Structure formats: C-alpha cells, structure tokens
Amino acid sequence: MKLHIAITVAALAMASASFAQQPAPGGGGGAGVSPEVQAARAAMREACAADMQKLCADKQGREAFMCLRENADKVSQGCKDAQAKMRAAAQPPAGD
C-alpha cells in the first residue's frame, strides 16, 4: 500500500513537472525553474496525494494529472487551492 502511494505521488510529480516546464522569469530559455514554481509543485504533490490515490490510482504521468483536472468537482479544497497556486506560479509575468 505504501509503495502504491509512493508511485502515485511520483506520477503526480512527473505530471506537474511537465505542466510547469517554462523558462524561469527573466528568460534565458534555461532548464531552471523558479523557486516559486518549485514550491508550488511540492505543495501540490503533498496536497493532492490523497485525491490522486482515491480518484486516479490507475493513472500515471500526464494521465494522472489530467485525471485530477477531470475530477475537479471531487478533489479536496486543499488540492484545488494547490492546483490554483501551481497554475499562478507557472504563468509568465503579465505586462512584459
């Protein structure tokens, strides 16, 4: 059971990494991810782990992340909040 949870959390991590792969603010096109995005990603993994296990246990990678989005009405409020913070952190700054 613990292994299954660990695999699920790892799948969520991979899915969120693919979602957030954008250059850090300031450009450069490097592989670096801003500290804000890293923190938001970690918070989302933690906040959504139980929801992932309950709703999307049979999914991996991007499919797992999409499963959470498709079940948005069923995920916990903490997971919803973490997803919103992740999306906000991954957005490029407006007005540049």
C-alpha atoms as a PDB file:
ATOM      1  CA  MET A   1       0.000   0.000   0.000  1.00  0.00           C
ATOM      2  CA  LYS A   2       2.794   2.440   0.880  1.00  0.00           C
ATOM      3  CA  LEU A   3       4.539   1.600  -2.385  1.00  0.00           C
ATOM      4  CA  HIS A   4       1.343   2.326  -4.310  1.00  0.00           C
ATOM      5  CA  ILE A   5       1.061   5.746  -2.642  1.00  0.00           C
ATOM      6  CA  ALA A   6       4.726   6.480  -3.382  1.00  0.00           C
ATOM      7  CA  ILE A   7       4.227   5.556  -7.032  1.00  0.00           C
ATOM      8  CA  THR A   8       1.130   7.744  -7.216  1.00  0.00           C
ATOM      9  CA  VAL A   9       2.952  10.717  -5.714  1.00  0.00           C
ATOM     10  CA  ALA A  10       5.841  10.175  -8.137  1.00  0.00           C
ATOM     11  CA  ALA A  11       3.393  10.095 -11.057  1.00  0.00           C
ATOM     12  CA  LEU A  12       1.860  13.366  -9.874  1.00  0.00           C
ATOM     13  CA  ALA A  13       5.335  14.860  -9.613  1.00  0.00           C
ATOM     14  CA  MET A  14       6.139  13.912 -13.193  1.00  0.00           C
ATOM     15  CA  ALA A  15       2.820  15.253 -14.433  1.00  0.00           C
ATOM     16  CA  SER A  16       3.222  18.549 -12.617  1.00  0.00           C
ATOM     17  CA  ALA A  17       6.788  18.842 -13.912  1.00  0.00           C
ATOM     18  CA  SER A  18       5.613  18.553 -17.496  1.00  0.00           C
ATOM     19  CA  PHE A  19       2.867  21.081 -16.783  1.00  0.00           C
ATOM     20  CA  ALA A  20       5.282  23.637 -15.338  1.00  0.00           C
ATOM     21  CA  GLN A  21       8.254  23.394 -17.688  1.00  0.00           C
ATOM     22  CA  GLN A  22       8.593  27.014 -18.658  1.00  0.00           C
ATOM     23  CA  PRO A  23      11.653  29.220 -18.539  1.00  0.00           C
ATOM     24  CA  ALA A  24      12.228  30.994 -15.270  1.00  0.00           C
ATOM     25  CA  PRO A  25      11.217  34.662 -15.177  1.00  0.00           C
ATOM     26  CA  GLY A  26      13.928  36.706 -16.752  1.00  0.00           C
ATOM     27  CA  GLY A  27      14.158  34.465 -19.803  1.00  0.00           C
ATOM     28  CA  GLY A  28      17.288  32.734 -20.921  1.00  0.00           C
ATOM     29  CA  GLY A  29      15.425  29.618 -22.001  1.00  0.00           C
ATOM     30  CA  GLY A  30      17.369  27.562 -19.451  1.00  0.00           C
ATOM     31  CA  ALA A  31      16.054  24.479 -17.768  1.00  0.00           C
ATOM     32  CA  GLY A  32      15.859  26.320 -14.426  1.00  0.00           C
ATOM     33  CA  VAL A  33      12.502  26.528 -12.738  1.00  0.00           C
ATOM     34  CA  SER A  34      11.784  29.430 -10.433  1.00  0.00           C
ATOM     35  CA  PRO A  35      11.730  28.795  -6.685  1.00  0.00           C
ATOM     36  CA  GLU A  36       8.065  29.831  -6.669  1.00  0.00           C
ATOM     37  CA  VAL A  37       7.149  27.132  -9.199  1.00  0.00           C
ATOM     38  CA  GLN A  38       9.233  24.547  -7.328  1.00  0.00           C
ATOM     39  CA  ALA A  39       7.471  25.389  -4.055  1.00  0.00           C
ATOM     40  CA  ALA A  40       4.035  25.346  -5.688  1.00  0.00           C
ATOM     41  CA  ARG A  41       4.802  21.990  -7.307  1.00  0.00           C
ATOM     42  CA  ALA A  42       5.871  20.445  -3.995  1.00  0.00           C
ATOM     43  CA  ALA A  43       2.792  21.834  -2.238  1.00  0.00           C
ATOM     44  CA  MET A  44       0.519  20.451  -4.941  1.00  0.00           C
ATOM     45  CA  ARG A  45       2.101  16.992  -4.729  1.00  0.00           C
ATOM     46  CA  GLU A  46       1.512  16.943  -0.986  1.00  0.00           C
ATOM     47  CA  ALA A  47      -1.977  18.452  -1.046  1.00  0.00           C
ATOM     48  CA  CYS A  48      -3.240  16.207  -3.856  1.00  0.00           C
ATOM     49  CA  ALA A  49      -1.663  12.877  -2.859  1.00  0.00           C
ATOM     50  CA  ALA A  50      -4.802  11.538  -1.152  1.00  0.00           C
ATOM     51  CA  ASP A  51      -7.043  12.727  -4.001  1.00  0.00           C
ATOM     52  CA  MET A  52      -4.733  11.115  -6.534  1.00  0.00           C
ATOM     53  CA  GLN A  53      -4.867   7.833  -4.644  1.00  0.00           C
ATOM     54  CA  LYS A  54      -8.654   7.944  -4.347  1.00  0.00           C
ATOM     55  CA  LEU A  55      -9.604   9.223  -7.813  1.00  0.00           C
ATOM     56  CA  CYS A  56      -6.738   8.393 -10.161  1.00  0.00           C
ATOM     57  CA  ALA A  57      -4.851   5.439  -8.703  1.00  0.00           C
ATOM     58  CA  ASP A  58      -4.874   3.619 -12.046  1.00  0.00           C
ATOM     59  CA  LYS A  59      -3.277   6.554 -13.917  1.00  0.00           C
ATOM     60  CA  GLN A  60       0.355   7.595 -14.289  1.00  0.00           C
ATOM     61  CA  GLY A  61       2.255  10.613 -15.564  1.00  0.00           C
ATOM     62  CA  ARG A  62       0.291  13.169 -17.530  1.00  0.00           C
ATOM     63  CA  GLU A  63      -2.818  10.970 -17.453  1.00  0.00           C
ATOM     64  CA  ALA A  64      -2.826  11.188 -13.656  1.00  0.00           C
ATOM     65  CA  PHE A  65      -2.640  14.974 -13.728  1.00  0.00           C
ATOM     66  CA  MET A  66      -5.400  15.140 -16.338  1.00  0.00           C
ATOM     67  CA  CYS A  67      -7.486  12.788 -14.196  1.00  0.00           C
ATOM     68  CA  LEU A  68      -7.292  15.256 -11.314  1.00  0.00           C
ATOM     69  CA  ARG A  69      -8.388  18.070 -13.612  1.00  0.00           C
ATOM     70  CA  GLU A  70     -11.264  15.970 -14.976  1.00  0.00           C
ATOM     71  CA  ASN A  71     -12.391  15.223 -11.411  1.00  0.00           C
ATOM     72  CA  ALA A  72     -12.064  18.815 -10.193  1.00  0.00           C
ATOM     73  CA  ASP A  73     -15.502  18.671  -8.595  1.00  0.00           C
ATOM     74  CA  LYS A  74     -14.421  15.701  -6.450  1.00  0.00           C
ATOM     75  CA  VAL A  75     -10.958  16.783  -5.236  1.00  0.00           C
ATOM     76  CA  SER A  76     -10.423  18.260  -1.803  1.00  0.00           C
ATOM     77  CA  GLN A  77     -10.371  22.007  -1.305  1.00  0.00           C
ATOM     78  CA  GLY A  78      -6.703  21.829  -0.320  1.00  0.00           C
ATOM     79  CA  CYS A  79      -5.855  20.164  -3.632  1.00  0.00           C
ATOM     80  CA  LYS A  80      -7.919  22.735  -5.559  1.00  0.00           C
ATOM     81  CA  ASP A  81      -6.088  25.566  -3.796  1.00  0.00           C
ATOM     82  CA  ALA A  82      -2.703  23.966  -4.501  1.00  0.00           C
ATOM     83  CA  GLN A  83      -3.590  23.490  -8.189  1.00  0.00           C
ATOM     84  CA  ALA A  84      -4.583  27.161  -8.452  1.00  0.00           C
ATOM     85  CA  LYS A  85      -1.297  28.242  -6.850  1.00  0.00           C
ATOM     86  CA  MET A  86       0.619  25.979  -9.221  1.00  0.00           C
ATOM     87  CA  ARG A  87      -1.099  27.500 -12.260  1.00  0.00           C
ATOM     88  CA  ALA A  88      -0.466  31.030 -10.957  1.00  0.00           C
ATOM     89  CA  ALA A  89       3.206  30.322 -10.252  1.00  0.00           C
ATOM     90  CA  ALA A  90       3.698  28.801 -13.728  1.00  0.00           C
ATOM     91  CA  GLN A  91       2.209  31.795 -15.552  1.00  0.00           C
ATOM     92  CA  PRO A  92       4.653  34.260 -17.096  1.00  0.00           C
ATOM     93  CA  PRO A  93       4.501  37.743 -15.612  1.00  0.00           C
ATOM     94  CA  ALA A  94       1.887  39.948 -17.281  1.00  0.00           C
ATOM     95  CA  GLY A  95       2.703  43.223 -18.942  1.00  0.00           C
ATOM     96  CA  ASP A  96       6.183  42.480 -20.263  1.00  0.00           C
END
